[in-house]
């Protein structure tokens, strides 16, 4: 059961990493098209929390001796990337 949790955390890491470029594209769209300057601040706050989450994944992986660069995306993540 423990190994499954580690694999799922590694997949979550890949998911969050792939989510960052999408959020960046939303930030650019908000900058170009939004009438409300608060939109950009909300998105930036979300990006900061994504950085915190990625740092947490790296810390946990290091603690358990997992190399995140060796993690192979499962089909669900591959579908998400597309």
Protein backbone atom coordinates (compact mmCIF):
# COMPACT_ATOMS: atom_id res chain seq x y z
CA UNK A 1 0.00 0.00 0.00
CA UNK A 2 2.86 2.36 0.86
CA UNK A 3 4.49 1.86 -2.55
CA UNK A 4 1.20 2.70 -4.27
CA UNK A 5 0.99 5.98 -2.35
CA UNK A 6 4.52 6.88 -3.43
CA UNK A 7 3.71 6.14 -7.07
CA UNK A 8 0.54 8.24 -6.84
CA UNK A 9 2.46 11.14 -5.28
CA UNK A 10 4.98 10.95 -8.11
CA UNK A 11 2.11 11.04 -10.63
CA UNK A 12 0.62 14.02 -8.78
CA UNK A 13 3.98 15.75 -9.09
CA UNK A 14 3.96 15.21 -12.87
CA UNK A 15 0.37 16.48 -13.02
CA UNK A 16 1.19 19.69 -11.16
CA UNK A 17 4.30 20.27 -13.25
CA UNK A 18 2.22 19.95 -16.43
CA UNK A 19 -0.43 22.26 -14.96
CA UNK A 20 2.03 25.16 -14.53
CA UNK A 21 2.30 26.06 -18.26
CA UNK A 22 -1.50 26.05 -18.51
CA UNK A 23 -1.78 28.47 -15.59
CA UNK A 24 0.90 30.63 -17.19
CA UNK A 25 -1.17 30.79 -20.39
CA UNK A 26 -4.22 31.81 -18.34
CA UNK A 27 -2.12 34.54 -16.71
CA UNK A 28 -1.14 35.91 -20.11
CA UNK A 29 -4.76 35.80 -21.28
CA UNK A 30 -5.89 37.64 -18.13
CA UNK A 31 -3.19 40.25 -18.66
CA UNK A 32 -4.30 40.84 -22.25
CA UNK A 33 -8.06 40.55 -21.91
CA UNK A 34 -9.23 41.18 -18.35
CA UNK A 35 -10.68 44.47 -17.23
CA UNK A 36 -10.06 43.57 -13.60
CA UNK A 37 -6.48 43.84 -12.34
CA UNK A 38 -7.42 41.53 -9.48
CA UNK A 39 -7.62 38.60 -11.88
CA UNK A 40 -3.86 38.57 -12.35
CA UNK A 41 -3.23 38.66 -8.60
CA UNK A 42 -5.50 35.65 -8.05
CA UNK A 43 -3.71 33.68 -10.76
CA UNK A 44 -0.28 34.67 -9.42
CA UNK A 45 -1.32 33.52 -5.96
CA UNK A 46 -2.32 30.19 -7.44
CA UNK A 47 1.04 29.89 -9.17
CA UNK A 48 2.82 30.54 -5.88
CA UNK A 49 0.88 27.71 -4.26
CA UNK A 50 1.83 25.43 -7.15
CA UNK A 51 5.48 26.21 -6.48
CA UNK A 52 4.96 25.30 -2.82
CA UNK A 53 3.33 22.04 -3.86
CA UNK A 54 6.16 21.15 -6.24
CA UNK A 55 8.70 21.88 -3.48
CA UNK A 56 6.77 19.60 -1.13
CA UNK A 57 6.77 16.78 -3.70
CA UNK A 58 10.54 17.17 -4.15
CA UNK A 59 11.12 17.09 -0.39
CA UNK A 60 8.99 13.98 0.04
CA UNK A 61 10.61 12.24 -2.92
CA UNK A 62 14.06 13.00 -1.54
CA UNK A 63 13.03 11.71 1.88
CA UNK A 64 11.94 8.37 0.35
CA UNK A 65 14.78 8.10 -2.17
CA UNK A 66 12.62 8.60 -5.25
CA UNK A 67 14.09 10.26 -8.31
CA UNK A 68 11.29 12.32 -9.80
CA UNK A 69 13.18 12.57 -13.08
CA UNK A 70 12.81 8.79 -13.43
CA UNK A 71 9.03 8.75 -12.93
CA UNK A 72 7.17 7.59 -16.01
CA UNK A 73 3.74 9.16 -16.52
CA UNK A 74 0.80 6.78 -16.30
CA UNK A 75 -1.92 6.86 -18.96
CA UNK A 76 -4.08 9.36 -17.04
CA UNK A 77 -1.23 11.87 -17.01
CA UNK A 78 -0.43 11.23 -20.65
CA UNK A 79 -4.07 11.97 -21.51
CA UNK A 80 -3.89 15.16 -19.46
CA UNK A 81 -0.75 16.33 -21.29
CA UNK A 82 -2.54 16.00 -24.62
